[in-house]
Amino acid sequence: MTAVLSSRRRFQHFALALAVACAFPLAAQAQGFPSKPVRLVVTYPAGGSSDLMGRIMGQKLSEYWGQPVIIESKPGTAGSIGMEYTARQPADGYTFVVGNLGPVAVNPLITKVPYNMEKDFVPIALTATAPNILVVPVASPYKTLGEMLAAARAQPGTLNFGTSGPGSMAHLGGELIIRQANVKLIGVPYKGGGQAVNDLLAGHLNMMVADALPVSQFIKTNRLRPLAITSARRSRLFPEIPTFAEAGLPGLVAENWWGA
């Protein structure tokens, strides 16, 4: 998959690929599958990348199968509530979950979760990968990553960053800045990225290492200022945004991913 996911069309292509990938194993289970509506669980609130991904997946899967795909929003506990809910559903192929880095890979490593990724789930397809973007409100005094880090070093513990919950890419990105730049920042967890972005726009947060999709529109309309992107090279969709290495913090390279 390519770098930053910034358009509905790009997501639709990913979702169509998922539909094709899903069709083969499920068709083998029963002739005429699906014969009833399919449920697609989204583990984060409305407005974030997982929610947008899930809704477009649902639309394309419904078109492909000719059956309704019902989106079920089960946010909370950094995605773990939705994962647990999905794990408890009948294993009949009629319930999918939009998984991503946090609840699938990180949460089981850092905390005890009420589900077992190996026993409770069957992976179907990787649908997208994307870097995150360090953004600040347009009214922020920081024009570069270097200026922000200088302020963080001058006043340790006074700057905060929003996250979409423990273990999310926004959380890990902030912690990577803390570790590699040797600064003290305060993480502020939210139930989802959309809520954190809203507070960032309102000036209640100093910064966020945000998913590219929900903040791209605000970058383009000059409501958020990008300071650096977590990809190894500049994005073709955001060529003006420097990588962290170019901005003065080498070694900070990370990508989020989504699948079902």
C-alpha atoms as a PDB file:
ATOM      1  CA  MET A   1       0.000   0.000   0.000  1.00  0.00           C
ATOM      2  CA  THR A   2       1.103   3.570  -0.566  1.00  0.00           C
ATOM      3  CA  ALA A   3       1.881   6.231   1.997  1.00  0.00           C
ATOM      4  CA  VAL A   4      -0.737   8.741   3.156  1.00  0.00           C
ATOM      5  CA  LEU A   5      -4.386   7.847   2.637  1.00  0.00           C
ATOM      6  CA  SER A   6      -6.057  11.138   1.845  1.00  0.00           C
ATOM      7  CA  SER A   7      -8.948  10.410  -0.453  1.00  0.00           C
ATOM      8  CA  ARG A   8     -12.197   8.480  -0.480  1.00  0.00           C
ATOM      9  CA  ARG A   9     -11.272   6.843  -3.769  1.00  0.00           C
ATOM     10  CA  ARG A  10      -8.054   5.407  -2.322  1.00  0.00           C
ATOM     11  CA  PHE A  11      -9.967   3.895   0.586  1.00  0.00           C
ATOM     12  CA  GLN A  12     -12.526   2.441  -1.813  1.00  0.00           C
ATOM     13  CA  HIS A  13      -9.778   0.645  -3.703  1.00  0.00           C
ATOM     14  CA  PHE A  14      -8.506  -0.870  -0.451  1.00  0.00           C
ATOM     15  CA  ALA A  15     -12.014  -1.912   0.547  1.00  0.00           C
ATOM     16  CA  LEU A  16     -12.677  -3.512  -2.828  1.00  0.00           C
ATOM     17  CA  ALA A  17      -9.473  -5.511  -2.456  1.00  0.00           C
ATOM     18  CA  LEU A  18     -10.726  -6.613   0.955  1.00  0.00           C
ATOM     19  CA  ALA A  19     -14.045  -7.681  -0.545  1.00  0.00           C
ATOM     20  CA  VAL A  20     -12.301  -9.882  -3.097  1.00  0.00           C
ATOM     21  CA  ALA A  21     -10.012 -11.330  -0.419  1.00  0.00           C
ATOM     22  CA  CYS A  22     -12.991 -12.098   1.802  1.00  0.00           C
ATOM     23  CA  ALA A  23     -15.032 -13.699  -0.941  1.00  0.00           C
ATOM     24  CA  PHE A  24     -12.789 -16.692  -1.595  1.00  0.00           C
ATOM     25  CA  PRO A  25     -12.489 -18.216   1.907  1.00  0.00           C
ATOM     26  CA  LEU A  26     -16.079 -17.417   2.812  1.00  0.00           C
ATOM     27  CA  ALA A  27     -17.498 -18.812  -0.409  1.00  0.00           C
ATOM     28  CA  ALA A  28     -15.832 -22.089   0.454  1.00  0.00           C
ATOM     29  CA  GLN A  29     -17.756 -22.277   3.748  1.00  0.00           C
ATOM     30  CA  ALA A  30     -21.232 -22.284   2.283  1.00  0.00           C
ATOM     31  CA  GLN A  31     -22.770 -21.946  -1.140  1.00  0.00           C
ATOM     32  CA  GLY A  32     -24.502 -18.611  -1.553  1.00  0.00           C
ATOM     33  CA  PHE A  33     -22.633 -16.844   1.245  1.00  0.00           C
ATOM     34  CA  PRO A  34     -23.643 -14.412   2.542  1.00  0.00           C
ATOM     35  CA  SER A  35     -27.327 -15.259   2.829  1.00  0.00           C
ATOM     36  CA  LYS A  36     -28.055 -12.571   5.436  1.00  0.00           C
ATOM     37  CA  PRO A  37     -26.655  -9.188   6.584  1.00  0.00           C
ATOM     38  CA  VAL A  38     -23.008  -9.105   7.670  1.00  0.00           C
ATOM     39  CA  ARG A  39     -21.795  -7.072  10.645  1.00  0.00           C
ATOM     40  CA  LEU A  40     -18.618  -4.988  10.590  1.00  0.00           C
ATOM     41  CA  VAL A  41     -17.399  -3.842  14.006  1.00  0.00           C
ATOM     42  CA  VAL A  42     -15.486  -0.560  14.316  1.00  0.00           C
ATOM     43  CA  THR A  43     -13.432  -0.253  17.499  1.00  0.00           C
ATOM     44  CA  TYR A  44     -12.992   3.554  17.574  1.00  0.00           C
ATOM     45  CA  PRO A  45     -15.517   6.455  17.634  1.00  0.00           C
ATOM     46  CA  ALA A  46     -16.778   8.404  14.644  1.00  0.00           C
ATOM     47  CA  GLY A  47     -14.422  10.817  12.928  1.00  0.00           C
ATOM     48  CA  GLY A  48     -11.230   8.777  13.076  1.00  0.00           C
ATOM     49  CA  SER A  49      -9.472   6.672  10.467  1.00  0.00           C
ATOM     50  CA  SER A  50     -10.896   3.359  11.699  1.00  0.00           C
ATOM     51  CA  ASP A  51     -14.448   4.687  11.488  1.00  0.00           C
ATOM     52  CA  LEU A  52     -13.940   6.080   7.985  1.00  0.00           C
ATOM     53  CA  MET A  53     -12.210   2.904   6.869  1.00  0.00           C
ATOM     54  CA  GLY A  54     -15.022   0.763   8.268  1.00  0.00           C
ATOM     55  CA  ARG A  55     -17.792   2.736   6.584  1.00  0.00           C
ATOM     56  CA  ILE A  56     -16.187   2.592   3.171  1.00  0.00           C
ATOM     57  CA  MET A  57     -15.353  -1.093   3.624  1.00  0.00           C
ATOM     58  CA  GLY A  58     -18.985  -1.692   4.524  1.00  0.00           C
ATOM     59  CA  GLN A  59     -20.237   0.113   1.441  1.00  0.00           C
ATOM     60  CA  LYS A  60     -17.971  -1.769  -0.965  1.00  0.00           C
ATOM     61  CA  LEU A  61     -18.540  -5.145   0.686  1.00  0.00           C
ATOM     62  CA  SER A  62     -22.298  -4.602   0.494  1.00  0.00           C
ATOM     63  CA  GLU A  63     -22.056  -3.793  -3.206  1.00  0.00           C
ATOM     64  CA  TYR A  64     -19.851  -6.820  -3.831  1.00  0.00           C
ATOM     65  CA  TRP A  65     -21.943  -9.318  -1.859  1.00  0.00           C
ATOM     66  CA  GLY A  66     -25.404  -7.912  -2.563  1.00  0.00           C
ATOM     67  CA  GLN A  67     -26.193  -8.032   1.159  1.00  0.00           C
ATOM     68  CA  PRO A  68     -26.399  -5.260   3.782  1.00  0.00           C
ATOM     69  CA  VAL A  69     -23.258  -4.694   5.856  1.00  0.00           C
ATOM     70  CA  ILE A  70     -24.206  -3.274   9.241  1.00  0.00           C
ATOM     71  CA  ILE A  71     -21.610  -1.038  10.891  1.00  0.00           C
ATOM     72  CA  GLU A  72     -21.465  -1.566  14.653  1.00  0.00           C
ATOM     73  CA  SER A  73     -19.528   1.054  16.611  1.00  0.00           C
ATOM     74  CA  LYS A  74     -17.967  -0.387  19.774  1.00  0.00           C
ATOM     75  CA  PRO A  75     -15.357   2.161  20.913  1.00  0.00           C
ATOM     76  CA  GLY A  76     -13.478   2.348  24.178  1.00  0.00           C
ATOM     77  CA  THR A  77     -10.384   1.118  26.012  1.00  0.00           C
ATOM     78  CA  ALA A  78      -8.121   1.808  23.031  1.00  0.00           C
ATOM     79  CA  GLY A  79     -10.114  -0.528  20.799  1.00  0.00           C
ATOM     80  CA  SER A  80     -10.239  -3.459  23.227  1.00  0.00           C
ATOM     81  CA  ILE A  81     -13.999  -3.213  23.837  1.00  0.00           C
ATOM     82  CA  GLY A  82     -14.757  -3.729  20.161  1.00  0.00           C
ATOM     83  CA  MET A  83     -12.272  -6.575  19.878  1.00  0.00           C
ATOM     84  CA  GLU A  84     -13.766  -8.353  22.903  1.00  0.00           C
ATOM     85  CA  TYR A  85     -17.272  -7.850  21.538  1.00  0.00           C
ATOM     86  CA  THR A  86     -16.268  -9.381  18.210  1.00  0.00           C
ATOM     87  CA  ALA A  87     -14.526 -12.322  19.879  1.00  0.00           C
ATOM     88  CA  ARG A  88     -17.776 -13.216  21.659  1.00  0.00           C
ATOM     89  CA  GLN A  89     -19.849 -13.382  18.479  1.00  0.00           C
ATOM     90  CA  PRO A  90     -20.641 -16.702  16.754  1.00  0.00           C
ATOM     91  CA  ALA A  91     -17.774 -17.915  14.571  1.00  0.00           C
ATOM     92  CA  ASP A  92     -20.005 -18.176  11.509  1.00  0.00           C
ATOM     93  CA  GLY A  93     -18.263 -15.699   9.202  1.00  0.00           C
ATOM     94  CA  TYR A  94     -20.936 -13.026   9.589  1.00  0.00           C
ATOM     95  CA  THR A  95     -19.025 -10.715  11.938  1.00  0.00           C
ATOM     96  CA  PHE A  96     -15.859  -8.859  10.945  1.00  0.00           C
ATOM     97  CA  VAL A  97     -13.843  -6.266  12.843  1.00  0.00           C
ATOM     98  CA  VAL A  98     -11.735  -3.400  11.535  1.00  0.00           C
ATOM     99  CA  GLY A  99      -8.440  -3.985  13.331  1.00  0.00           C
ATOM    100  CA  ASN A 100      -5.405  -1.759  13.533  1.00  0.00           C
ATOM    101  CA  LEU A 101      -2.033  -1.528  15.217  1.00  0.00           C
ATOM    102  CA  GLY A 102      -3.289  -0.676  18.717  1.00  0.00           C
ATOM    103  CA  PRO A 103      -5.859  -3.326  19.679  1.00  0.00           C
ATOM    104  CA  VAL A 104      -4.387  -6.035  17.440  1.00  0.00           C
ATOM    105  CA  ALA A 105      -0.647  -5.798  18.083  1.00  0.00           C
ATOM    106  CA  VAL A 106       0.203  -3.327  20.858  1.00  0.00           C
ATOM    107  CA  ASN A 107      -2.473  -3.713  23.522  1.00  0.00           C
ATOM    108  CA  PRO A 108      -1.938  -7.475  23.977  1.00  0.00           C
ATOM    109  CA  LEU A 109       1.755  -6.760  24.635  1.00  0.00           C
ATOM    110  CA  ILE A 110       1.369  -3.969  27.193  1.00  0.00           C
ATOM    111  CA  THR A 111      -1.756  -4.967  29.103  1.00  0.00           C
ATOM    112  CA  LYS A 112      -4.054  -7.906  29.785  1.00  0.00           C
ATOM    113  CA  VAL A 113      -6.816  -7.868  27.189  1.00  0.00           C
ATOM    114  CA  PRO A 114     -10.067  -9.891  27.285  1.00  0.00           C
ATOM    115  CA  TYR A 115      -9.398 -11.592  23.953  1.00  0.00           C
ATOM    116  CA  ASN A 116      -6.779 -13.799  22.330  1.00  0.00           C
ATOM    117  CA  MET A 117      -5.627 -12.665  18.900  1.00  0.00           C
ATOM    118  CA  GLU A 118      -4.442 -16.140  17.898  1.00  0.00           C
ATOM    119  CA  LYS A 119      -7.465 -18.101  19.115  1.00  0.00           C
ATOM    120  CA  ASP A 120     -10.379 -15.688  18.752  1.00  0.00           C
ATOM    121  CA  PHE A 121      -9.744 -14.178  15.307  1.00  0.00           C
ATOM    122  CA  VAL A 122      -8.894 -15.184  11.749  1.00  0.00           C
ATOM    123  CA  PRO A 123      -7.010 -12.525   9.733  1.00  0.00           C
ATOM    124  CA  ILE A 124      -8.504 -11.840   6.300  1.00  0.00           C
ATOM    125  CA  ALA A 125      -6.580  -8.989   4.683  1.00  0.00           C
ATOM    126  CA  LEU A 126      -4.324  -6.013   5.272  1.00  0.00           C
ATOM    127  CA  THR A 127      -6.277  -3.110   3.775  1.00  0.00           C
ATOM    128  CA  ALA A 128      -4.083  -0.041   4.285  1.00  0.00           C
ATOM    129  CA  THR A 129      -0.908   1.365   5.788  1.00  0.00           C
ATOM    130  CA  ALA A 130      -0.123   5.020   6.383  1.00  0.00           C
ATOM    131  CA  PRO A 131       2.314   7.224   8.285  1.00  0.00           C
ATOM    132  CA  ASN A 132       1.199   9.751  10.870  1.00  0.00           C
ATOM    133  CA  ILE A 133       1.754  13.493  10.806  1.00  0.00           C
ATOM    134  CA  LEU A 134       2.881  15.668  13.709  1.00  0.00           C
ATOM    135  CA  VAL A 135       0.487  18.624  13.634  1.00  0.00           C
ATOM    136  CA  VAL A 136      -0.053  21.720  15.769  1.00  0.00           C
ATOM    137  CA  PRO A 137      -2.889  24.287  15.687  1.00  0.00           C
ATOM    138  CA  VAL A 138      -2.350  26.983  13.078  1.00  0.00           C
ATOM    139  CA  ALA A 139      -2.216  29.555  15.901  1.00  0.00           C
ATOM    140  CA  SER A 140       0.667  27.689  17.561  1.00  0.00           C
ATOM    141  CA  PRO A 141       3.928  29.622  17.866  1.00  0.00           C
ATOM    142  CA  TYR A 142       5.861  26.577  16.620  1.00  0.00           C
ATOM    143  CA  LYS A 143       6.668  26.657  12.921  1.00  0.00           C
ATOM    144  CA  THR A 144       9.117  23.738  12.948  1.00  0.00           C
ATOM    145  CA  LEU A 145       9.826  20.573  14.898  1.00  0.00           C
ATOM    146  CA  GLY A 146      13.009  22.199  16.188  1.00  0.00           C
ATOM    147  CA  GLU A 147      11.081  25.130  17.667  1.00  0.00           C
ATOM    148  CA  MET A 148       8.641  22.799  19.393  1.00  0.00           C
ATOM    149  CA  LEU A 149      11.419  20.659  20.861  1.00  0.00           C
ATOM    150  CA  ALA A 150      13.287  23.754  22.059  1.00  0.00           C
ATOM    151  CA  ALA A 151      10.165  24.901  23.919  1.00  0.00           C
ATOM    152  CA  ALA A 152       9.665  21.429  25.396  1.00  0.00           C
ATOM    153  CA  ARG A 153      13.236  21.394  26.701  1.00  0.00           C
ATOM    154  CA  ALA A 154      12.956  24.919  28.094  1.00  0.00           C
ATOM    155  CA  GLN A 155       9.743  24.102  29.987  1.00  0.00           C
ATOM    156  CA  PRO A 156       9.630  20.350  30.688  1.00  0.00           C
ATOM    157  CA  GLY A 157       6.158  18.909  31.180  1.00  0.00           C
ATOM    158  CA  THR A 158       4.224  21.956  29.982  1.00  0.00           C
ATOM    159  CA  LEU A 159       3.409  20.773  26.449  1.00  0.00           C
ATOM    160  CA  ASN A 160       0.862  18.043  25.786  1.00  0.00           C
ATOM    161  CA  PHE A 161      -0.088  15.789  22.895  1.00  0.00           C
ATOM    162  CA  GLY A 162      -3.394  14.118  22.120  1.00  0.00           C
ATOM    163  CA  THR A 163      -3.766  10.391  21.505  1.00  0.00           C
ATOM    164  CA  SER A 164      -6.566   8.081  20.421  1.00  0.00           C
ATOM    165  CA  GLY A 165      -5.909   5.878  23.445  1.00  0.00           C
ATOM    166  CA  PRO A 166      -3.071   3.823  24.942  1.00  0.00           C
ATOM    167  CA  GLY A 167      -1.213   1.796  22.345  1.00  0.00           C
ATOM    168  CA  SER A 168      -2.496   3.829  19.411  1.00  0.00           C
ATOM    169  CA  MET A 169      -0.106   5.136  16.780  1.00  0.00           C
ATOM    170  CA  ALA A 170      -0.761   8.664  18.057  1.00  0.00           C
ATOM    171  CA  HIS A 171       0.316   7.511  21.523  1.00  0.00           C
ATOM    172  CA  LEU A 172       3.369   5.607  20.300  1.00  0.00           C
ATOM    173  CA  GLY A 173       4.383   8.519  18.076  1.00  0.00           C
ATOM    174  CA  GLY A 174       4.315  10.909  21.009  1.00  0.00           C
ATOM    175  CA  GLU A 175       6.302   8.504  23.156  1.00  0.00           C
ATOM    176  CA  LEU A 176       8.886   8.104  20.386  1.00  0.00           C
ATOM    177  CA  ILE A 177       9.374  11.875  20.324  1.00  0.00           C
ATOM    178  CA  ILE A 178       9.816  11.864  24.107  1.00  0.00           C
ATOM    179  CA  ARG A 179      12.349   9.040  23.944  1.00  0.00           C
ATOM    180  CA  GLN A 180      14.392  10.131  20.957  1.00  0.00           C
ATOM    181  CA  ALA A 181      14.394  13.872  21.641  1.00  0.00           C
ATOM    182  CA  ASN A 182      14.808  13.456  25.410  1.00  0.00           C
ATOM    183  CA  VAL A 183      11.935  15.800  26.241  1.00  0.00           C
ATOM    184  CA  LYS A 184       9.016  15.608  28.658  1.00  0.00           C
ATOM    185  CA  LEU A 185       5.559  15.812  27.075  1.00  0.00           C
ATOM    186  CA  ILE A 186       2.192  15.001  28.628  1.00  0.00           C
ATOM    187  CA  GLY A 187       0.015  12.500  26.776  1.00  0.00           C
ATOM    188  CA  VAL A 188      -3.740  13.140  26.829  1.00  0.00           C
ATOM    189  CA  PRO A 189      -5.741  10.016  25.878  1.00  0.00           C
ATOM    190  CA  TYR A 190      -9.096  10.154  24.100  1.00  0.00           C
ATOM    191  CA  LYS A 191     -11.525   7.422  23.070  1.00  0.00           C
ATOM    192  CA  GLY A 192     -10.706   8.101  19.437  1.00  0.00           C
ATOM    193  CA  GLY A 193      -8.648  10.223  17.098  1.00  0.00           C
ATOM    194  CA  GLY A 194     -11.593  12.324  15.954  1.00  0.00           C
ATOM    195  CA  GLN A 195     -12.196  13.654  19.465  1.00  0.00           C
ATOM    196  CA  ALA A 196      -8.517  14.464  19.921  1.00  0.00           C
ATOM    197  CA  VAL A 197      -8.376  16.305  16.592  1.00  0.00           C
ATOM    198  CA  ASN A 198     -11.405  18.396  17.600  1.00  0.00           C
ATOM    199  CA  ASP A 199      -9.646  19.494  20.790  1.00  0.00           C
ATOM    200  CA  LEU A 200      -6.469  20.172  18.832  1.00  0.00           C
ATOM    201  CA  LEU A 201      -8.419  22.438  16.475  1.00  0.00           C
ATOM    202  CA  ALA A 202      -9.945  24.202  19.479  1.00  0.00           C
ATOM    203  CA  GLY A 203      -6.500  24.872  20.928  1.00  0.00           C
ATOM    204  CA  HIS A 204      -6.894  22.586  23.943  1.00  0.00           C
ATOM    205  CA  LEU A 205      -3.912  20.471  22.847  1.00  0.00           C
ATOM    206  CA  ASN A 206      -0.432  21.566  21.828  1.00  0.00           C
ATOM    207  CA  MET A 207       0.178  18.843  19.256  1.00  0.00           C
ATOM    208  CA  MET A 208      -0.743  15.394  17.988  1.00  0.00           C
ATOM    209  CA  VAL A 209       0.998  12.691  15.972  1.00  0.00           C
ATOM    210  CA  ALA A 210      -2.230  12.126  14.080  1.00  0.00           C
ATOM    211  CA  ASP A 211      -3.463   9.678  11.470  1.00  0.00           C
ATOM    212  CA  ALA A 212      -3.071  11.338   8.102  1.00  0.00           C
ATOM    213  CA  LEU A 213      -6.653  10.882   6.905  1.00  0.00           C
ATOM    214  CA  PRO A 214      -8.613  12.855   9.537  1.00  0.00           C
ATOM    215  CA  VAL A 215      -6.147  15.764   9.595  1.00  0.00           C
ATOM    216  CA  SER A 216      -5.406  16.066   5.873  1.00  0.00           C
ATOM    217  CA  GLN A 217      -8.408  18.297   5.238  1.00  0.00           C
ATOM    218  CA  PHE A 218      -7.376  20.617   8.063  1.00  0.00           C
ATOM    219  CA  ILE A 219      -3.822  20.824   6.756  1.00  0.00           C
ATOM    220  CA  LYS A 220      -5.095  21.734   3.308  1.00  0.00           C
ATOM    221  CA  THR A 221      -7.424  24.418   4.714  1.00  0.00           C
ATOM    222  CA  ASN A 222      -4.673  25.848   6.952  1.00  0.00           C
ATOM    223  CA  ARG A 223      -6.355  24.987  10.236  1.00  0.00           C
ATOM    224  CA  LEU A 224      -3.521  22.699  11.321  1.00  0.00           C
ATOM    225  CA  ARG A 225       0.196  23.121  10.697  1.00  0.00           C
ATOM    226  CA  PRO A 226       2.234  19.991   9.888  1.00  0.00           C
ATOM    227  CA  LEU A 227       5.737  19.807  11.361  1.00  0.00           C
ATOM    228  CA  ALA A 228       6.901  16.333  10.307  1.00  0.00           C
ATOM    229  CA  ILE A 229       5.712  13.020   8.886  1.00  0.00           C
ATOM    230  CA  THR A 230       6.642   9.589  10.267  1.00  0.00           C
ATOM    231  CA  SER A 231       7.438   7.976   6.898  1.00  0.00           C
ATOM    232  CA  ALA A 232      11.002   7.208   5.832  1.00  0.00           C
ATOM    233  CA  ARG A 233      10.595   9.439   2.766  1.00  0.00           C
ATOM    234  CA  ARG A 234       8.384  12.392   1.971  1.00  0.00           C
ATOM    235  CA  SER A 235       4.854  11.531   0.965  1.00  0.00           C
ATOM    236  CA  ARG A 236       3.803  12.055  -2.633  1.00  0.00           C
ATOM    237  CA  LEU A 237       0.525  13.424  -1.305  1.00  0.00           C
ATOM    238  CA  PHE A 238       2.207  15.821   1.133  1.00  0.00           C
ATOM    239  CA  PRO A 239       5.574  16.581  -0.488  1.00  0.00           C
ATOM    240  CA  GLU A 240       5.921  19.808   1.489  1.00  0.00           C
ATOM    241  CA  ILE A 241       5.989  18.004   4.868  1.00  0.00           C
ATOM    242  CA  PRO A 242       9.517  17.000   5.973  1.00  0.00           C
ATOM    243  CA  THR A 243      10.277  13.624   7.471  1.00  0.00           C
ATOM    244  CA  PHE A 244      11.325  13.564  11.112  1.00  0.00           C
ATOM    245  CA  ALA A 245      14.902  12.939   9.980  1.00  0.00           C
ATOM    246  CA  GLU A 246      14.814  16.008   7.754  1.00  0.00           C
ATOM    247  CA  ALA A 247      13.246  18.017  10.568  1.00  0.00           C
ATOM    248  CA  GLY A 248      16.079  17.130  12.943  1.00  0.00           C
ATOM    249  CA  LEU A 249      14.990  13.913  14.671  1.00  0.00           C
ATOM    250  CA  PRO A 250      16.498  10.955  12.768  1.00  0.00           C
ATOM    251  CA  GLY A 251      15.314   7.445  13.460  1.00  0.00           C
ATOM    252  CA  LEU A 252      11.650   8.224  14.043  1.00  0.00           C
ATOM    253  CA  VAL A 253       9.929   6.167  11.354  1.00  0.00           C
ATOM    254  CA  ALA A 254       6.583   4.485  11.951  1.00  0.00           C
ATOM    255  CA  GLU A 255       3.408   3.468  10.128  1.00  0.00           C
ATOM    256  CA  ASN A 256      -0.091   2.604  11.222  1.00  0.00           C
ATOM    257  CA  TRP A 257      -2.043  -0.150   9.499  1.00  0.00           C
ATOM    258  CA  TRP A 258      -5.604  -1.417   9.186  1.00  0.00           C
ATOM    259  CA  GLY A 259      -7.031  -4.783   8.303  1.00  0.00           C
ATOM    260  CA  ALA A 260      -9.953  -7.130   8.842  1.00  0.00           C
END
